[in-house]
N, C-alpha and C. Protein backbone atom coordinates (compact mmCIF):
# COMPACT_ATOMS: atom_id res chain seq x y z
N MET A 1 -86.36 6.30 93.71
CA MET A 1 -86.92 6.23 95.32
C MET A 1 -87.81 7.36 95.86
N THR A 2 -88.61 7.16 96.31
CA THR A 2 -89.76 8.22 97.01
C THR A 2 -88.89 8.67 97.96
N GLU A 3 -89.77 9.97 98.34
CA GLU A 3 -89.37 10.35 99.84
C GLU A 3 -90.09 9.94 101.19
N ASN A 4 -89.75 9.96 102.21
CA ASN A 4 -90.83 9.17 103.19
C ASN A 4 -90.99 10.93 103.97
N ARG A 5 -92.33 10.90 103.40
CA ARG A 5 -92.60 12.28 104.15
C ARG A 5 -94.20 11.90 104.70
N PRO A 6 -94.62 12.58 105.53
CA PRO A 6 -95.88 12.73 106.68
C PRO A 6 -96.74 12.68 106.17
N PRO A 7 -97.91 11.83 106.10
CA PRO A 7 -99.39 11.63 105.56
C PRO A 7 -99.90 13.13 105.28
N GLU A 8 -99.92 14.25 106.28
CA GLU A 8 -100.71 15.21 106.14
C GLU A 8 -99.61 15.79 104.99
N GLU A 9 -98.56 15.85 104.72
CA GLU A 9 -97.88 16.75 103.50
C GLU A 9 -98.56 15.99 102.30
N GLU A 10 -98.42 14.79 102.21
CA GLU A 10 -98.62 14.21 101.08
C GLU A 10 -100.23 14.58 100.91
N ALA A 11 -101.24 14.60 101.60
CA ALA A 11 -102.47 15.00 101.53
C ALA A 11 -102.43 16.29 100.94
N LYS A 12 -101.93 17.25 101.75
CA LYS A 12 -101.89 18.71 101.09
C LYS A 12 -101.53 18.62 99.66
N GLU A 13 -100.45 18.07 99.32
CA GLU A 13 -100.01 17.98 97.79
C GLU A 13 -101.05 17.53 96.90
N LYS A 14 -101.76 16.39 97.34
CA LYS A 14 -102.90 15.95 96.56
C LYS A 14 -104.07 16.66 96.60
N ALA A 15 -104.32 17.73 97.63
CA ALA A 15 -105.60 18.63 97.47
C ALA A 15 -105.22 19.63 96.66
N PHE A 16 -103.83 20.01 96.21
CA PHE A 16 -103.81 21.65 95.26
C PHE A 16 -103.99 20.76 94.17
N ASP A 17 -104.65 21.30 93.22
CA ASP A 17 -105.25 20.76 91.74
C ASP A 17 -104.62 22.05 90.85
N LEU A 18 -103.43 21.62 90.30
CA LEU A 18 -102.52 22.62 89.24
C LEU A 18 -103.76 23.27 88.51
N GLU A 19 -104.68 22.28 87.73
CA GLU A 19 -105.24 22.88 86.37
C GLU A 19 -106.48 23.66 86.96
N VAL A 20 -107.14 23.16 88.22
CA VAL A 20 -107.88 23.64 88.90
C VAL A 20 -107.26 25.79 89.01
N PHE A 21 -106.33 25.37 89.62
CA PHE A 21 -105.74 26.81 90.45
C PHE A 21 -105.21 27.67 88.85
N ARG A 22 -104.76 27.24 87.91
CA ARG A 22 -104.63 27.87 86.44
C ARG A 22 -105.86 28.47 86.04
N LYS A 23 -106.82 27.58 86.15
CA LYS A 23 -107.95 27.97 85.56
C LYS A 23 -108.76 29.13 86.31
N ARG A 24 -108.59 29.16 87.45
CA ARG A 24 -109.42 29.94 88.44
C ARG A 24 -108.65 31.21 88.11
N LEU A 25 -106.84 31.26 88.37
CA LEU A 25 -106.55 32.30 88.06
C LEU A 25 -106.85 32.86 86.85
N ASP A 26 -106.69 32.49 85.85
CA ASP A 26 -106.93 32.98 84.38
C ASP A 26 -108.17 33.61 84.49
N ASP A 27 -109.66 32.89 85.28
CA ASP A 27 -110.86 33.58 85.08
C ASP A 27 -110.57 34.91 85.89
N ALA A 28 -109.78 35.00 87.26
CA ALA A 28 -109.68 36.17 88.13
C ALA A 28 -109.07 37.51 87.31
N LEU A 29 -108.03 36.97 86.62
CA LEU A 29 -107.15 37.84 86.01
C LEU A 29 -108.26 38.60 84.85
N TRP A 30 -108.90 37.68 83.97
CA TRP A 30 -110.03 38.04 83.02
C TRP A 30 -110.89 39.38 83.82
N ALA A 31 -111.93 38.63 84.73
CA ALA A 31 -112.96 39.30 85.44
C ALA A 31 -112.40 40.60 86.17
N ARG A 32 -111.17 40.76 86.24
CA ARG A 32 -110.52 42.11 87.38
C ARG A 32 -110.14 43.12 86.21
N LYS A 33 -109.88 42.11 84.98
CA LYS A 33 -109.08 43.08 84.20
C LYS A 33 -107.67 43.76 84.11
N VAL A 34 -107.16 42.37 85.08
CA VAL A 34 -105.75 42.66 85.34
C VAL A 34 -104.54 41.93 84.36
N ARG A 35 -103.70 42.52 83.82
CA ARG A 35 -102.97 41.72 82.98
C ARG A 35 -101.90 41.02 84.05
N GLN A 36 -101.41 40.15 83.48
CA GLN A 36 -100.21 39.35 84.14
C GLN A 36 -99.04 40.20 84.77
N ILE A 37 -98.57 41.26 83.87
CA ILE A 37 -97.15 42.13 84.27
C ILE A 37 -97.79 42.62 85.65
N ASP A 38 -99.22 43.49 85.69
CA ASP A 38 -99.74 44.14 86.53
C ASP A 38 -99.56 43.46 88.00
N LEU A 39 -100.13 42.38 87.57
CA LEU A 39 -100.19 41.21 88.94
C LEU A 39 -98.99 40.96 89.52
N ALA A 40 -97.92 40.59 88.65
CA ALA A 40 -96.70 40.33 88.86
C ALA A 40 -96.18 41.50 89.73
N ARG A 41 -95.88 42.53 89.03
CA ARG A 41 -95.56 44.19 89.82
C ARG A 41 -96.15 44.17 91.54
N GLU A 42 -97.72 43.89 91.30
CA GLU A 42 -98.32 44.41 92.54
C GLU A 42 -98.17 43.30 93.42
N ALA A 43 -98.14 42.21 93.29
CA ALA A 43 -98.22 41.04 93.97
C ALA A 43 -96.58 41.02 94.50
N LYS A 44 -95.72 41.24 94.00
CA LYS A 44 -93.95 41.39 93.68
C LYS A 44 -93.92 39.87 93.68
N ILE A 45 -94.38 39.52 92.65
CA ILE A 45 -93.62 37.75 92.47
C ILE A 45 -92.81 38.22 91.10
N ASN A 46 -92.30 37.17 90.54
CA ASN A 46 -91.49 37.29 89.18
C ASN A 46 -92.86 36.73 88.08
N TYR A 47 -92.49 37.70 87.51
CA TYR A 47 -93.32 37.58 86.29
C TYR A 47 -93.63 36.45 85.46
N LYS A 48 -92.26 35.61 85.12
CA LYS A 48 -92.12 34.09 84.53
C LYS A 48 -92.59 33.45 85.62
N SER A 49 -92.35 33.13 86.89
CA SER A 49 -93.11 32.36 87.47
C SER A 49 -94.86 32.44 87.44
N LEU A 50 -95.09 33.66 87.58
CA LEU A 50 -96.85 33.67 87.24
C LEU A 50 -97.20 33.32 85.78
N ASN A 51 -96.24 33.61 84.97
CA ASN A 51 -96.71 33.07 83.50
C ASN A 51 -96.68 31.49 83.86
N SER A 52 -95.98 30.92 84.23
CA SER A 52 -95.69 29.77 84.50
C SER A 52 -97.41 29.00 85.20
N TYR A 53 -97.32 29.81 86.15
CA TYR A 53 -98.65 29.34 87.18
C TYR A 53 -99.87 29.35 86.35
N VAL A 54 -100.30 30.67 85.36
CA VAL A 54 -101.15 30.94 84.40
C VAL A 54 -101.34 29.64 83.35
N ARG A 55 -100.10 29.29 82.72
CA ARG A 55 -99.79 28.16 81.73
C ARG A 55 -99.89 26.45 82.36
N GLY A 56 -99.99 26.72 83.76
CA GLY A 56 -100.53 25.42 84.59
C GLY A 56 -99.10 24.87 84.37
N HIS A 57 -97.41 25.06 84.42
CA HIS A 57 -96.32 24.66 84.15
C HIS A 57 -95.68 24.41 85.76
N MET A 58 -96.16 25.51 86.56
CA MET A 58 -95.54 25.32 87.84
C MET A 58 -96.56 25.61 89.16
N SER A 59 -96.42 25.23 90.35
CA SER A 59 -97.26 25.18 91.67
C SER A 59 -96.57 26.56 92.15
N PRO A 60 -97.67 27.01 92.84
CA PRO A 60 -96.96 28.40 93.42
C PRO A 60 -97.43 28.06 94.90
N SER A 61 -96.22 28.60 95.91
CA SER A 61 -96.54 28.82 97.18
C SER A 61 -97.67 29.40 97.97
N LEU A 62 -97.71 28.62 99.13
CA LEU A 62 -99.02 29.17 99.58
C LEU A 62 -99.13 30.63 99.82
N GLU A 63 -97.70 31.54 100.19
CA GLU A 63 -97.75 32.87 100.46
C GLU A 63 -97.65 33.32 98.78
N VAL A 64 -97.47 32.85 97.82
CA VAL A 64 -97.64 33.61 96.37
C VAL A 64 -99.18 33.46 96.28
N VAL A 65 -99.93 32.22 96.73
CA VAL A 65 -101.41 32.30 96.13
C VAL A 65 -101.74 33.07 97.04
N ILE A 66 -101.56 33.70 98.36
CA ILE A 66 -102.15 34.50 99.52
C ILE A 66 -101.94 36.18 98.85
N LYS A 67 -100.87 36.31 98.16
CA LYS A 67 -100.65 37.40 97.37
C LYS A 67 -101.53 37.68 96.28
N ILE A 68 -101.69 36.80 95.33
CA ILE A 68 -102.28 36.70 94.23
C ILE A 68 -103.67 37.13 94.57
N ALA A 69 -104.32 36.13 95.68
CA ALA A 69 -105.72 36.70 96.04
C ALA A 69 -105.95 37.78 96.22
N LYS A 70 -105.06 38.34 97.43
CA LYS A 70 -105.04 39.92 97.96
C LYS A 70 -105.21 41.15 96.48
N VAL A 71 -104.25 40.99 95.70
CA VAL A 71 -104.33 41.70 94.57
C VAL A 71 -105.25 41.98 93.54
N LEU A 72 -105.95 40.40 93.82
CA LEU A 72 -107.31 39.93 92.24
C LEU A 72 -108.47 40.45 93.47
N ASP A 73 -108.51 40.37 94.88
CA ASP A 73 -109.29 40.82 95.49
C ASP A 73 -110.53 39.41 95.38
N VAL A 74 -109.64 38.35 95.38
CA VAL A 74 -110.52 37.10 95.56
C VAL A 74 -109.97 35.98 96.58
N SER A 75 -111.05 35.51 96.83
CA SER A 75 -110.75 34.34 98.10
C SER A 75 -109.66 33.54 97.66
N VAL A 76 -108.95 33.06 98.49
CA VAL A 76 -107.77 31.92 98.38
C VAL A 76 -108.83 30.36 98.00
N ASP A 77 -109.89 30.47 98.86
CA ASP A 77 -110.32 29.42 98.28
C ASP A 77 -111.29 29.42 96.79
N PHE A 78 -111.40 30.43 96.49
CA PHE A 78 -111.84 30.28 95.26
C PHE A 78 -111.02 29.85 94.09
N LEU A 79 -109.50 30.80 94.48
CA LEU A 79 -108.24 30.26 93.35
C LEU A 79 -108.02 28.82 93.64
N LEU A 80 -108.17 27.90 94.83
CA LEU A 80 -108.05 26.66 95.01
C LEU A 80 -108.83 25.93 94.53
N GLY A 81 -110.39 26.41 94.08
CA GLY A 81 -111.32 25.76 93.52
C GLY A 81 -112.17 25.14 94.78
N ARG A 82 -112.05 25.63 95.68
CA ARG A 82 -112.72 25.03 97.02
C ARG A 82 -114.05 25.89 97.12
N ALA A 83 -114.50 26.97 96.49
CA ALA A 83 -115.11 28.02 96.55
C ALA A 83 -115.55 28.55 95.23
N ASP A 84 -117.00 28.30 94.79
CA ASP A 84 -117.09 28.50 93.24
C ASP A 84 -117.41 30.00 93.16
N GLU A 85 -117.56 30.96 93.82
CA GLU A 85 -117.82 32.27 93.66
C GLU A 85 -116.61 32.99 94.14
N MET A 86 -116.09 34.09 93.60
CA MET A 86 -114.98 34.92 93.83
C MET A 86 -115.03 35.53 95.33
N ASN A 87 -116.22 35.50 95.86
CA ASN A 87 -116.07 36.15 96.70
C ASN A 87 -116.44 37.72 97.09
N GLN A 88 -115.18 37.85 97.08
CA GLN A 88 -114.57 39.28 97.38
C GLN A 88 -114.55 40.21 96.02
N ILE A 89 -115.90 41.00 95.89
CA ILE A 89 -116.07 41.85 94.72
C ILE A 89 -115.60 43.11 94.80
N ALA A 90 -114.71 43.86 93.70
CA ALA A 90 -114.21 44.85 94.04
C ALA A 90 -115.30 46.10 94.74
N PRO A 91 -114.78 46.78 95.40
CA PRO A 91 -115.59 47.80 95.93
C PRO A 91 -115.94 48.76 95.14
N GLU A 92 -117.35 49.44 95.59
CA GLU A 92 -117.78 50.24 94.55
C GLU A 92 -117.18 51.68 94.44
N PRO A 93 -116.83 52.38 93.59
CA PRO A 93 -116.68 53.81 93.58
C PRO A 93 -117.34 54.53 94.62
N PRO A 94 -116.43 55.45 95.10
CA PRO A 94 -117.04 56.11 96.44
C PRO A 94 -118.32 56.94 95.89
N GLU A 95 -118.50 57.32 94.93
CA GLU A 95 -119.62 58.13 94.48
C GLU A 95 -120.69 57.31 94.24
N PHE A 96 -120.52 56.11 94.49
CA PHE A 96 -121.91 55.23 94.39
C PHE A 96 -121.98 54.74 95.67
N ALA A 97 -121.05 54.52 96.66
CA ALA A 97 -121.24 53.65 97.81
C ALA A 97 -122.62 54.11 98.90
N GLU A 98 -123.35 55.04 99.08
CA GLU A 98 -124.12 55.29 99.60
C GLU A 98 -125.70 54.66 98.68
N ASP A 99 -125.24 55.19 97.66
CA ASP A 99 -126.63 54.76 96.86
C ASP A 99 -126.41 53.00 96.90
N VAL A 100 -125.39 52.07 96.85
CA VAL A 100 -125.42 50.85 97.16
C VAL A 100 -125.86 50.63 98.26
N LYS A 101 -125.54 50.86 99.42
CA LYS A 101 -125.81 50.82 100.74
C LYS A 101 -127.49 50.87 100.87
N LEU A 102 -128.02 51.96 100.38
CA LEU A 102 -129.49 52.19 100.26
C LEU A 102 -130.08 50.93 99.51
N ILE A 103 -129.74 50.45 98.32
CA ILE A 103 -130.30 49.63 97.21
C ILE A 103 -130.11 48.25 98.50
N ARG A 104 -128.96 47.86 98.86
CA ARG A 104 -128.99 46.78 99.47
C ARG A 104 -129.66 46.91 100.70
N ARG A 105 -130.42 47.92 101.48
CA ARG A 105 -130.96 47.80 102.77
C ARG A 105 -132.13 47.70 102.39
N ALA A 106 -132.75 48.09 101.05
CA ALA A 106 -133.91 47.98 100.25
C ALA A 106 -134.46 46.73 100.19
N TRP A 107 -133.41 45.87 99.31
CA TRP A 107 -133.43 44.23 99.10
C TRP A 107 -133.46 43.15 99.92
N THR A 108 -132.59 43.81 101.24
CA THR A 108 -133.18 42.80 102.37
C THR A 108 -134.26 42.91 103.01
N ALA A 109 -134.77 44.21 102.80
CA ALA A 109 -136.49 44.31 103.91
C ALA A 109 -137.39 44.16 102.50
N ALA A 110 -137.12 43.69 101.51
CA ALA A 110 -138.35 43.25 100.49
C ALA A 110 -138.24 41.97 100.93
N SER A 111 -139.64 41.82 100.27
CA SER A 111 -140.62 40.86 100.35
C SER A 111 -140.02 39.86 99.35
N PRO A 112 -140.41 38.62 98.91
CA PRO A 112 -140.27 37.90 97.81
C PRO A 112 -140.71 38.28 96.50
N ARG A 113 -141.99 39.16 96.56
CA ARG A 113 -143.00 39.80 95.56
C ARG A 113 -141.90 40.72 95.29
N GLU A 114 -141.28 41.57 96.15
CA GLU A 114 -140.88 43.12 96.13
C GLU A 114 -139.23 42.74 95.05
N LYS A 115 -138.95 41.75 95.82
CA LYS A 115 -137.31 41.41 95.07
C LYS A 115 -137.89 41.08 93.79
N LYS A 116 -138.61 40.42 93.23
CA LYS A 116 -138.93 40.21 91.77
C LYS A 116 -139.30 41.22 91.06
N LEU A 117 -139.94 42.44 91.56
CA LEU A 117 -140.32 43.28 91.15
C LEU A 117 -138.75 44.28 90.94
N LEU A 118 -138.31 44.40 91.90
CA LEU A 118 -136.85 45.39 92.01
C LEU A 118 -136.04 44.54 90.61
N GLN A 119 -135.78 43.29 90.82
CA GLN A 119 -135.18 42.57 89.99
C GLN A 119 -135.22 42.93 88.37
N HIS A 120 -136.97 42.91 87.95
CA HIS A 120 -137.46 43.31 86.54
C HIS A 120 -137.27 44.51 86.22
N LEU A 121 -137.28 45.60 87.43
CA LEU A 121 -136.86 46.64 86.83
C LEU A 121 -135.52 46.94 86.68
N ALA A 122 -134.65 46.65 87.46
CA ALA A 122 -133.39 46.60 87.26
C ALA A 122 -133.19 46.09 85.59
N GLU A 123 -133.91 44.79 85.38
CA GLU A 123 -133.54 44.50 83.81
C GLU A 123 -134.24 45.40 83.04
N THR A 124 -134.79 45.88 83.02
CA THR A 124 -136.22 46.91 82.24
C THR A 124 -134.87 48.02 81.85
N ILE A 125 -134.26 48.49 83.22
CA ILE A 125 -133.45 49.83 82.76
C ILE A 125 -132.36 49.76 82.17
N ILE A 126 -131.83 48.29 82.47
CA ILE A 126 -130.23 47.89 81.91
C ILE A 126 -130.95 47.47 80.27
N LYS A 127 -131.94 46.94 80.01
CA LYS A 127 -132.39 46.78 78.54
C LYS A 127 -132.50 48.10 77.68
N GLU A 128 -132.96 49.19 78.30
CA GLU A 128 -133.62 50.36 78.26
C GLU A 128 -132.00 51.07 77.43
N THR A 129 -131.19 51.08 78.48
CA THR A 129 -129.83 51.64 78.57
C THR A 129 -129.44 51.16 77.14
N GLU A 130 -129.07 49.87 77.20
CA GLU A 130 -128.60 49.28 75.91
C GLU A 130 -129.11 49.63 74.60
N GLN A 131 -130.64 49.71 74.69
CA GLN A 131 -130.89 49.94 73.23
C GLN A 131 -130.83 51.75 73.07
N GLU A 132 -130.89 52.57 74.03
CA GLU A 132 -130.50 53.50 73.94
C GLU A 132 -129.09 53.75 73.15
N ALA A 133 -128.11 52.99 73.84
CA ALA A 133 -126.75 53.36 73.13
C ALA A 133 -126.90 52.80 71.91
N LYS A 134 -127.17 51.68 71.28
CA LYS A 134 -127.15 51.20 70.15
C LYS A 134 -128.14 52.13 69.32
N GLU A 135 -129.00 52.70 69.61
CA GLU A 135 -129.64 53.77 68.75
C GLU A 135 -128.70 55.07 68.61
N LYS A 136 -128.03 55.26 69.70
CA LYS A 136 -126.77 56.41 69.38
C LYS A 136 -125.73 55.77 68.44
N GLU A 137 -125.43 54.74 68.49
CA GLU A 137 -124.35 54.09 67.70
C GLU A 137 -124.81 54.39 66.03
N CYS A 138 -126.03 54.60 65.85
CA CYS A 138 -126.74 54.27 64.29
C CYS A 138 -127.11 55.88 64.04
N GLY A 139 -127.62 56.47 65.14
CA GLY A 139 -127.79 57.70 64.94
C GLY A 139 -129.37 58.01 64.73
N THR A 140 -129.99 56.77 65.50
CA THR A 140 -131.48 57.00 65.53
C THR A 140 -131.80 57.02 66.80
N ASP A 141 -131.95 58.43 67.82
CA ASP A 141 -131.93 58.29 68.99
C ASP A 141 -133.65 58.57 68.85
N MET A 142 -134.07 57.69 69.66
CA MET A 142 -135.59 57.43 69.84
C MET A 142 -136.06 58.77 70.71
N SER A 143 -135.50 58.89 71.82
CA SER A 143 -135.49 59.98 72.61
C SER A 143 -135.85 61.59 72.18
N GLU A 144 -135.52 61.56 70.49
CA GLU A 144 -135.35 62.90 69.96
C GLU A 144 -137.10 63.13 69.79
N LYS A 145 -137.65 61.85 69.16
CA LYS A 145 -139.18 61.49 68.68
C LYS A 145 -140.20 62.47 69.29
């Protein structure tokens, strides 16, 4: 026998997709490099319950979703599959905060051509840094030549 519930309540249940939540929670844990046990402790939720959410065996309450989002620094919309981006990016370390602000201001003021040049410059720096790291691992530091 089915319960008689208001249509709004049934619609809310249908709007929650456990598989999407499970996947997004797993993605956020991985992206933020947070272990389940640490998330459970910080969010003050039961570890076994959290593990059930991650495995897709149990649906969390809205209160729990909010706690998880806050600790993982992602939006509730991301966890529920209503947004594709995590939105909230972990803040920069304090020693980089001013540099990041400067780069953001430069990016905002840049023309499309200048943005392409800045992007190319950043990609070049990343490639060179990776190459230098590989060379150091192999013991063939090209900067010594």
